[in-house]
Amino acid sequence: MTTNVVFGLLRVSVIVAALKAADGEIADYDIAATNTYVWIGQGLLGFILLWGNNELAERVRSGDVVVDLYRPWHLQSALLAQDVGRGGFAFFTRLAPPMAFGMLLFPFQFPANLVQWPLFGVSAVVALVISFSFRFLVEISAFWLLDNRGLYGFWNISSGLLCGLTVPIAFFPGWARDVLWMTPFPALLQAPIDVFLGHGNAVKILLYQVFWAVTLLAAGHFALQRAVRKVVVQGG
């Protein structure tokens, strides 16, 4: 949480400086909207666990995943339930504190109506599911790659830019924005922030997120079924 707040201060300084150089507004982001974007983004970063810990991939590499596959559960569903539980705790320890910090100490753009608050909550939960689905696909790639650290590192480097963590996607050139919104990446972070700020139609944003959540969960299920058709444990 402390790290998130420190990096939030750095990000606010840089982006607000850019806004002031552009007469105080870029692509519907003024000072208040930018502060709100930064502090919600810093909170969501820990809530959705964007970069994960690659634990499942390490279990695949060591062969310990065989124990998981023997258990009477569906591995993807069990790990999703675990991640949702982690997210419930992270809401109080990672999401709420940076938002409260930003609300108290910086100009903040609150939702124009009360409905946006619960819609933001729903959007954040769906973003958590999408983040899990991405991380699950990256981690089970170890069934084929054995050592997926290259792919995991590429995910860590690229995801922040593509999901709207580094700068708002609205700051991108028009063609880049259109391309990105055809992918699931903005659903991770930019979409919940847009719902909170009232940028765009909240219902359409939620439907967009749900579509990608279902699609990525289905892709993860299919990949897992292919992976476990034959499991070879290293060393025997």
C-alpha atoms as a PDB file:
ATOM      1  CA  MET A   1       0.000   0.000   0.000  1.00  0.00           C
ATOM      2  CA  THR A   2       2.803   2.401   0.913  1.00  0.00           C
ATOM      3  CA  THR A   3       4.596   1.627  -2.349  1.00  0.00           C
ATOM      4  CA  ASN A   4       1.384   2.258  -4.292  1.00  0.00           C
ATOM      5  CA  VAL A   5       0.971   5.654  -2.627  1.00  0.00           C
ATOM      6  CA  VAL A   6       4.596   6.670  -3.297  1.00  0.00           C
ATOM      7  CA  PHE A   7       4.349   5.711  -6.968  1.00  0.00           C
ATOM      8  CA  GLY A   8       0.980   7.465  -7.093  1.00  0.00           C
ATOM      9  CA  LEU A   9       2.635  10.701  -5.984  1.00  0.00           C
ATOM     10  CA  LEU A  10       5.249  10.323  -8.718  1.00  0.00           C
ATOM     11  CA  ARG A  11       2.640   9.615 -11.376  1.00  0.00           C
ATOM     12  CA  VAL A  12       0.454  12.534 -10.301  1.00  0.00           C
ATOM     13  CA  SER A  13       3.448  14.868 -10.511  1.00  0.00           C
ATOM     14  CA  VAL A  14       4.365  13.780 -14.035  1.00  0.00           C
ATOM     15  CA  ILE A  15       0.872  13.703 -15.546  1.00  0.00           C
ATOM     16  CA  VAL A  16      -0.288  16.934 -13.905  1.00  0.00           C
ATOM     17  CA  ALA A  17       2.854  18.621 -15.233  1.00  0.00           C
ATOM     18  CA  ALA A  18       1.885  17.442 -18.715  1.00  0.00           C
ATOM     19  CA  LEU A  19      -1.635  18.808 -18.208  1.00  0.00           C
ATOM     20  CA  LYS A  20      -0.355  22.207 -17.139  1.00  0.00           C
ATOM     21  CA  ALA A  21       1.824  22.331 -20.240  1.00  0.00           C
ATOM     22  CA  ALA A  22      -1.318  21.619 -22.295  1.00  0.00           C
ATOM     23  CA  ASP A  23      -3.408  24.422 -20.741  1.00  0.00           C
ATOM     24  CA  GLY A  24      -4.841  22.189 -17.995  1.00  0.00           C
ATOM     25  CA  GLU A  25      -6.691  19.555 -19.997  1.00  0.00           C
ATOM     26  CA  ILE A  26      -5.932  16.591 -22.284  1.00  0.00           C
ATOM     27  CA  ALA A  27      -8.687  14.433 -23.795  1.00  0.00           C
ATOM     28  CA  ASP A  28     -11.366  15.265 -21.168  1.00  0.00           C
ATOM     29  CA  TYR A  29      -8.863  14.878 -18.320  1.00  0.00           C
ATOM     30  CA  ASP A  30      -8.479  17.979 -16.194  1.00  0.00           C
ATOM     31  CA  ILE A  31      -6.519  18.152 -12.936  1.00  0.00           C
ATOM     32  CA  ALA A  32      -9.285  16.589 -10.810  1.00  0.00           C
ATOM     33  CA  ALA A  33     -10.007  13.785 -13.290  1.00  0.00           C
ATOM     34  CA  THR A  34      -6.289  13.042 -13.581  1.00  0.00           C
ATOM     35  CA  ASN A  35      -5.842  12.808  -9.817  1.00  0.00           C
ATOM     36  CA  THR A  36      -8.863  10.514  -9.658  1.00  0.00           C
ATOM     37  CA  TYR A  37      -7.488   8.371 -12.490  1.00  0.00           C
ATOM     38  CA  VAL A  38      -4.114   7.985 -10.761  1.00  0.00           C
ATOM     39  CA  TRP A  39      -5.383   7.106  -7.299  1.00  0.00           C
ATOM     40  CA  ILE A  40      -8.043   4.680  -8.489  1.00  0.00           C
ATOM     41  CA  GLY A  41      -5.462   3.090 -10.768  1.00  0.00           C
ATOM     42  CA  GLN A  42      -2.990   2.686  -7.922  1.00  0.00           C
ATOM     43  CA  GLY A  43      -5.690   1.040  -5.826  1.00  0.00           C
ATOM     44  CA  LEU A  44      -6.889  -1.245  -8.607  1.00  0.00           C
ATOM     45  CA  LEU A  45      -3.332  -2.362  -9.311  1.00  0.00           C
ATOM     46  CA  GLY A  46      -3.222  -4.330  -6.056  1.00  0.00           C
ATOM     47  CA  PHE A  47      -6.884  -5.276  -6.129  1.00  0.00           C
ATOM     48  CA  ILE A  48      -6.790  -7.009  -9.515  1.00  0.00           C
ATOM     49  CA  LEU A  49      -3.171  -8.155  -8.931  1.00  0.00           C
ATOM     50  CA  LEU A  50      -2.209  -7.195 -12.455  1.00  0.00           C
ATOM     51  CA  TRP A  51       1.225  -8.827 -12.443  1.00  0.00           C
ATOM     52  CA  GLY A  52       0.580 -11.831 -10.201  1.00  0.00           C
ATOM     53  CA  ASN A  53       3.307 -14.015  -8.743  1.00  0.00           C
ATOM     54  CA  ASN A  54       3.754 -16.789 -11.357  1.00  0.00           C
ATOM     55  CA  GLU A  55       3.251 -19.389  -8.602  1.00  0.00           C
ATOM     56  CA  LEU A  56       1.275 -21.840 -10.729  1.00  0.00           C
ATOM     57  CA  ALA A  57       3.949 -21.777 -13.447  1.00  0.00           C
ATOM     58  CA  GLU A  58       6.588 -22.616 -10.856  1.00  0.00           C
ATOM     59  CA  ARG A  59       4.469 -25.557  -9.675  1.00  0.00           C
ATOM     60  CA  VAL A  60       4.236 -26.761 -13.265  1.00  0.00           C
ATOM     61  CA  ARG A  61       7.994 -26.450 -13.689  1.00  0.00           C
ATOM     62  CA  SER A  62       8.728 -28.357 -10.473  1.00  0.00           C
ATOM     63  CA  GLY A  63       6.037 -30.979 -11.090  1.00  0.00           C
ATOM     64  CA  ASP A  64       4.109 -30.091  -7.921  1.00  0.00           C
ATOM     65  CA  VAL A  65       1.101 -29.255 -10.090  1.00  0.00           C
ATOM     66  CA  VAL A  66       0.371 -33.008 -10.243  1.00  0.00           C
ATOM     67  CA  VAL A  67      -0.861 -32.768  -6.650  1.00  0.00           C
ATOM     68  CA  ASP A  68      -3.248 -29.994  -7.675  1.00  0.00           C
ATOM     69  CA  LEU A  69      -4.546 -32.024 -10.600  1.00  0.00           C
ATOM     70  CA  TYR A  70      -5.229 -35.037  -8.368  1.00  0.00           C
ATOM     71  CA  ARG A  71      -7.529 -33.015  -6.124  1.00  0.00           C
ATOM     72  CA  PRO A  72     -11.301 -33.312  -6.712  1.00  0.00           C
ATOM     73  CA  TRP A  73     -11.745 -29.841  -8.105  1.00  0.00           C
ATOM     74  CA  HIS A  74     -11.507 -27.891 -11.329  1.00  0.00           C
ATOM     75  CA  LEU A  75      -8.127 -26.195 -11.048  1.00  0.00           C
ATOM     76  CA  GLN A  76      -9.126 -22.987 -12.835  1.00  0.00           C
ATOM     77  CA  SER A  77     -12.323 -22.558 -10.802  1.00  0.00           C
ATOM     78  CA  ALA A  78     -10.523 -23.238  -7.533  1.00  0.00           C
ATOM     79  CA  LEU A  79      -7.809 -20.713  -8.265  1.00  0.00           C
ATOM     80  CA  LEU A  80     -10.400 -18.141  -9.366  1.00  0.00           C
ATOM     81  CA  ALA A  81     -12.265 -18.579  -6.073  1.00  0.00           C
ATOM     82  CA  GLN A  82      -8.992 -18.132  -4.215  1.00  0.00           C
ATOM     83  CA  ASP A  83      -8.206 -14.971  -6.189  1.00  0.00           C
ATOM     84  CA  VAL A  84     -11.646 -13.478  -5.548  1.00  0.00           C
ATOM     85  CA  GLY A  85     -11.118 -14.101  -1.833  1.00  0.00           C
ATOM     86  CA  ARG A  86      -7.734 -12.405  -2.015  1.00  0.00           C
ATOM     87  CA  GLY A  87      -9.385  -9.507  -3.834  1.00  0.00           C
ATOM     88  CA  GLY A  88     -11.920  -9.128  -1.028  1.00  0.00           C
ATOM     89  CA  PHE A  89      -9.094  -8.593   1.442  1.00  0.00           C
ATOM     90  CA  ALA A  90      -7.189  -6.386  -1.029  1.00  0.00           C
ATOM     91  CA  PHE A  91     -10.228  -4.105  -1.325  1.00  0.00           C
ATOM     92  CA  PHE A  92      -9.639  -2.916   2.248  1.00  0.00           C
ATOM     93  CA  THR A  93      -5.835  -2.980   2.193  1.00  0.00           C
ATOM     94  CA  ARG A  94      -4.900  -2.024  -1.392  1.00  0.00           C
ATOM     95  CA  LEU A  95      -7.854  -0.355  -3.149  1.00  0.00           C
ATOM     96  CA  ALA A  96      -9.562   1.765  -0.492  1.00  0.00           C
ATOM     97  CA  PRO A  97      -6.471   3.407   1.134  1.00  0.00           C
ATOM     98  CA  PRO A  98      -4.991   4.998  -2.042  1.00  0.00           C
ATOM     99  CA  MET A  99      -8.447   6.209  -3.074  1.00  0.00           C
ATOM    100  CA  ALA A 100      -9.020   7.721   0.374  1.00  0.00           C
ATOM    101  CA  PHE A 101      -5.547   9.298   0.261  1.00  0.00           C
ATOM    102  CA  GLY A 102      -6.335  10.909  -3.082  1.00  0.00           C
ATOM    103  CA  MET A 103      -9.774  12.076  -1.990  1.00  0.00           C
ATOM    104  CA  LEU A 104      -8.413  13.762   1.124  1.00  0.00           C
ATOM    105  CA  LEU A 105      -5.288  15.435  -0.240  1.00  0.00           C
ATOM    106  CA  PHE A 106      -5.902  16.142  -3.935  1.00  0.00           C
ATOM    107  CA  PRO A 107      -8.629  17.632  -6.134  1.00  0.00           C
ATOM    108  CA  PHE A 108     -10.884  14.646  -6.827  1.00  0.00           C
ATOM    109  CA  GLN A 109     -13.688  14.085  -9.329  1.00  0.00           C
ATOM    110  CA  PHE A 110     -16.498  12.225  -7.610  1.00  0.00           C
ATOM    111  CA  PRO A 111     -19.216  10.403  -9.604  1.00  0.00           C
ATOM    112  CA  ALA A 112     -21.979  12.655 -10.881  1.00  0.00           C
ATOM    113  CA  ASN A 113     -24.652  10.306  -9.527  1.00  0.00           C
ATOM    114  CA  LEU A 114     -24.866   7.608  -6.872  1.00  0.00           C
ATOM    115  CA  VAL A 115     -25.441   4.805  -9.400  1.00  0.00           C
ATOM    116  CA  GLN A 116     -21.840   5.109 -10.567  1.00  0.00           C
ATOM    117  CA  TRP A 117     -20.540   3.882  -7.204  1.00  0.00           C
ATOM    118  CA  PRO A 118     -22.063   0.357  -7.364  1.00  0.00           C
ATOM    119  CA  LEU A 119     -21.370   0.204 -11.112  1.00  0.00           C
ATOM    120  CA  PHE A 120     -17.727   0.948 -10.367  1.00  0.00           C
ATOM    121  CA  GLY A 121     -17.723  -1.884  -7.803  1.00  0.00           C
ATOM    122  CA  VAL A 122     -19.145  -4.335 -10.336  1.00  0.00           C
ATOM    123  CA  SER A 123     -16.688  -3.157 -12.979  1.00  0.00           C
ATOM    124  CA  ALA A 124     -13.763  -3.608 -10.578  1.00  0.00           C
ATOM    125  CA  VAL A 125     -14.828  -7.187  -9.742  1.00  0.00           C
ATOM    126  CA  VAL A 126     -15.172  -8.081 -13.426  1.00  0.00           C
ATOM    127  CA  ALA A 127     -11.728  -6.529 -13.989  1.00  0.00           C
ATOM    128  CA  LEU A 128     -10.399  -8.834 -11.258  1.00  0.00           C
ATOM    129  CA  VAL A 129     -11.823 -11.851 -13.106  1.00  0.00           C
ATOM    130  CA  ILE A 130     -10.259 -10.675 -16.370  1.00  0.00           C
ATOM    131  CA  SER A 131      -6.907 -10.126 -14.659  1.00  0.00           C
ATOM    132  CA  PHE A 132      -7.054 -13.639 -13.217  1.00  0.00           C
ATOM    133  CA  SER A 133      -7.892 -15.040 -16.650  1.00  0.00           C
ATOM    134  CA  PHE A 134      -4.900 -13.304 -18.224  1.00  0.00           C
ATOM    135  CA  ARG A 135      -2.576 -14.447 -15.445  1.00  0.00           C
ATOM    136  CA  PHE A 136      -3.909 -18.000 -15.644  1.00  0.00           C
ATOM    137  CA  LEU A 137      -3.174 -18.174 -19.374  1.00  0.00           C
ATOM    138  CA  VAL A 138       0.325 -16.773 -18.871  1.00  0.00           C
ATOM    139  CA  GLU A 139       1.064 -19.213 -16.068  1.00  0.00           C
ATOM    140  CA  ILE A 140      -0.251 -22.398 -17.673  1.00  0.00           C
ATOM    141  CA  SER A 141       1.870 -21.638 -20.717  1.00  0.00           C
ATOM    142  CA  ALA A 142       4.541 -23.357 -18.600  1.00  0.00           C
ATOM    143  CA  PHE A 143       2.927 -26.685 -19.567  1.00  0.00           C
ATOM    144  CA  TRP A 144       4.355 -26.094 -23.044  1.00  0.00           C
ATOM    145  CA  LEU A 145       7.214 -23.642 -22.450  1.00  0.00           C
ATOM    146  CA  LEU A 146       8.351 -25.292 -19.188  1.00  0.00           C
ATOM    147  CA  ASP A 147      10.077 -22.035 -18.236  1.00  0.00           C
ATOM    148  CA  ASN A 148       7.644 -19.182 -18.905  1.00  0.00           C
ATOM    149  CA  ARG A 149       9.636 -16.413 -17.293  1.00  0.00           C
ATOM    150  CA  GLY A 150      10.205 -14.708 -20.641  1.00  0.00           C
ATOM    151  CA  LEU A 151       6.467 -14.541 -21.345  1.00  0.00           C
ATOM    152  CA  TYR A 152       5.770 -13.544 -17.747  1.00  0.00           C
ATOM    153  CA  GLY A 153       8.312 -10.720 -17.986  1.00  0.00           C
ATOM    154  CA  PHE A 154       6.835  -9.530 -21.276  1.00  0.00           C
ATOM    155  CA  TRP A 155       3.375  -9.478 -19.660  1.00  0.00           C
ATOM    156  CA  ASN A 156       4.686  -7.415 -16.740  1.00  0.00           C
ATOM    157  CA  ILE A 157       6.293  -4.867 -19.066  1.00  0.00           C
ATOM    158  CA  SER A 158       3.501  -4.508 -21.631  1.00  0.00           C
ATOM    159  CA  SER A 159       0.308  -4.868 -19.595  1.00  0.00           C
ATOM    160  CA  GLY A 160       0.677  -1.594 -17.692  1.00  0.00           C
ATOM    161  CA  LEU A 161       0.846   0.427 -20.887  1.00  0.00           C
ATOM    162  CA  LEU A 162      -1.901  -1.483 -22.716  1.00  0.00           C
ATOM    163  CA  CYS A 163      -4.441  -1.445 -19.878  1.00  0.00           C
ATOM    164  CA  GLY A 164      -4.167   2.287 -19.175  1.00  0.00           C
ATOM    165  CA  LEU A 165      -1.998   2.218 -16.061  1.00  0.00           C
ATOM    166  CA  THR A 166       0.939   4.205 -17.439  1.00  0.00           C
ATOM    167  CA  VAL A 167      -1.214   6.930 -19.006  1.00  0.00           C
ATOM    168  CA  PRO A 168      -4.948   7.059 -19.779  1.00  0.00           C
ATOM    169  CA  ILE A 169      -5.816   5.338 -23.035  1.00  0.00           C
ATOM    170  CA  ALA A 170      -7.544   8.596 -24.046  1.00  0.00           C
ATOM    171  CA  PHE A 171      -4.042  10.118 -24.340  1.00  0.00           C
ATOM    172  CA  PHE A 172      -3.179   7.711 -27.174  1.00  0.00           C
ATOM    173  CA  PRO A 173      -3.613   8.682 -30.852  1.00  0.00           C
ATOM    174  CA  GLY A 174      -7.106   7.983 -32.199  1.00  0.00           C
ATOM    175  CA  TRP A 175      -6.154   4.882 -34.187  1.00  0.00           C
ATOM    176  CA  ALA A 176      -4.304   3.390 -31.196  1.00  0.00           C
ATOM    177  CA  ARG A 177      -7.306   3.959 -28.931  1.00  0.00           C
ATOM    178  CA  ASP A 178      -9.607   2.218 -31.401  1.00  0.00           C
ATOM    179  CA  VAL A 179      -7.282  -0.779 -31.676  1.00  0.00           C
ATOM    180  CA  LEU A 180      -6.802  -1.101 -27.917  1.00  0.00           C
ATOM    181  CA  TRP A 181     -10.536  -1.000 -27.197  1.00  0.00           C
ATOM    182  CA  MET A 182     -10.942  -4.001 -29.502  1.00  0.00           C
ATOM    183  CA  THR A 183      -8.714  -5.972 -27.135  1.00  0.00           C
ATOM    184  CA  PRO A 184      -9.360  -7.039 -23.516  1.00  0.00           C
ATOM    185  CA  PHE A 185      -6.552  -4.897 -22.077  1.00  0.00           C
ATOM    186  CA  PRO A 186      -8.552  -1.720 -21.273  1.00  0.00           C
ATOM    187  CA  ALA A 187     -11.065  -3.901 -19.401  1.00  0.00           C
ATOM    188  CA  LEU A 188      -8.415  -4.477 -16.737  1.00  0.00           C
ATOM    189  CA  LEU A 189      -7.981  -0.933 -15.493  1.00  0.00           C
ATOM    190  CA  GLN A 190      -9.202   1.805 -17.814  1.00  0.00           C
ATOM    191  CA  ALA A 191     -12.769   0.500 -17.910  1.00  0.00           C
ATOM    192  CA  PRO A 192     -13.442   0.697 -14.126  1.00  0.00           C
ATOM    193  CA  ILE A 193     -11.866   4.152 -14.024  1.00  0.00           C
ATOM    194  CA  ASP A 194     -14.055   5.321 -16.920  1.00  0.00           C
ATOM    195  CA  VAL A 195     -17.148   4.015 -15.109  1.00  0.00           C
ATOM    196  CA  PHE A 196     -16.176   5.990 -11.997  1.00  0.00           C
ATOM    197  CA  LEU A 197     -15.413   9.173 -13.929  1.00  0.00           C
ATOM    198  CA  GLY A 198     -18.467   8.872 -16.162  1.00  0.00           C
ATOM    199  CA  HIS A 199     -16.395   8.728 -19.352  1.00  0.00           C
ATOM    200  CA  GLY A 200     -18.541   6.811 -21.823  1.00  0.00           C
ATOM    201  CA  ASN A 201     -21.636   4.679 -21.343  1.00  0.00           C
ATOM    202  CA  ALA A 202     -21.257   2.612 -18.154  1.00  0.00           C
ATOM    203  CA  VAL A 203     -23.566  -0.168 -19.331  1.00  0.00           C
ATOM    204  CA  LYS A 204     -21.657  -0.603 -22.584  1.00  0.00           C
ATOM    205  CA  ILE A 205     -18.367  -0.648 -20.696  1.00  0.00           C
ATOM    206  CA  LEU A 206     -19.669  -3.349 -18.346  1.00  0.00           C
ATOM    207  CA  LEU A 207     -20.946  -5.457 -21.249  1.00  0.00           C
ATOM    208  CA  TYR A 208     -17.548  -5.089 -22.905  1.00  0.00           C
ATOM    209  CA  GLN A 209     -15.878  -6.306 -19.713  1.00  0.00           C
ATOM    210  CA  VAL A 210     -18.254  -9.238 -19.241  1.00  0.00           C
ATOM    211  CA  PHE A 211     -17.671 -10.341 -22.836  1.00  0.00           C
ATOM    212  CA  TRP A 212     -13.923 -10.484 -22.325  1.00  0.00           C
ATOM    213  CA  ALA A 213     -14.239 -12.115 -18.901  1.00  0.00           C
ATOM    214  CA  VAL A 214     -16.291 -14.971 -20.386  1.00  0.00           C
ATOM    215  CA  THR A 215     -14.051 -15.241 -23.441  1.00  0.00           C
ATOM    216  CA  LEU A 216     -10.809 -15.385 -21.468  1.00  0.00           C
ATOM    217  CA  LEU A 217     -12.186 -17.818 -18.884  1.00  0.00           C
ATOM    218  CA  ALA A 218     -13.289 -20.080 -21.718  1.00  0.00           C
ATOM    219  CA  ALA A 219      -9.848 -19.794 -23.328  1.00  0.00           C
ATOM    220  CA  GLY A 220      -8.228 -20.717 -20.011  1.00  0.00           C
ATOM    221  CA  HIS A 221     -10.517 -23.718 -19.580  1.00  0.00           C
ATOM    222  CA  PHE A 222      -9.743 -24.945 -23.090  1.00  0.00           C
ATOM    223  CA  ALA A 223      -5.979 -24.474 -22.609  1.00  0.00           C
ATOM    224  CA  LEU A 224      -6.080 -26.340 -19.297  1.00  0.00           C
ATOM    225  CA  GLN A 225      -7.971 -29.252 -20.845  1.00  0.00           C
ATOM    226  CA  ARG A 226      -5.341 -29.472 -23.586  1.00  0.00           C
ATOM    227  CA  ALA A 227      -2.498 -29.215 -21.080  1.00  0.00           C
ATOM    228  CA  VAL A 228      -3.615 -32.037 -18.797  1.00  0.00           C
ATOM    229  CA  ARG A 229      -4.210 -34.569 -21.557  1.00  0.00           C
ATOM    230  CA  LYS A 230      -0.631 -35.623 -20.959  1.00  0.00           C
ATOM    231  CA  VAL A 231       1.441 -34.426 -18.027  1.00  0.00           C
ATOM    232  CA  VAL A 232       5.123 -35.297 -17.894  1.00  0.00           C
ATOM    233  CA  VAL A 233       6.869 -34.645 -14.566  1.00  0.00           C
ATOM    234  CA  GLN A 234      10.479 -33.648 -14.893  1.00  0.00           C
ATOM    235  CA  GLY A 235      12.869 -36.339 -13.698  1.00  0.00           C
ATOM    236  CA  GLY A 236      10.501 -39.256 -14.242  1.00  0.00           C
END
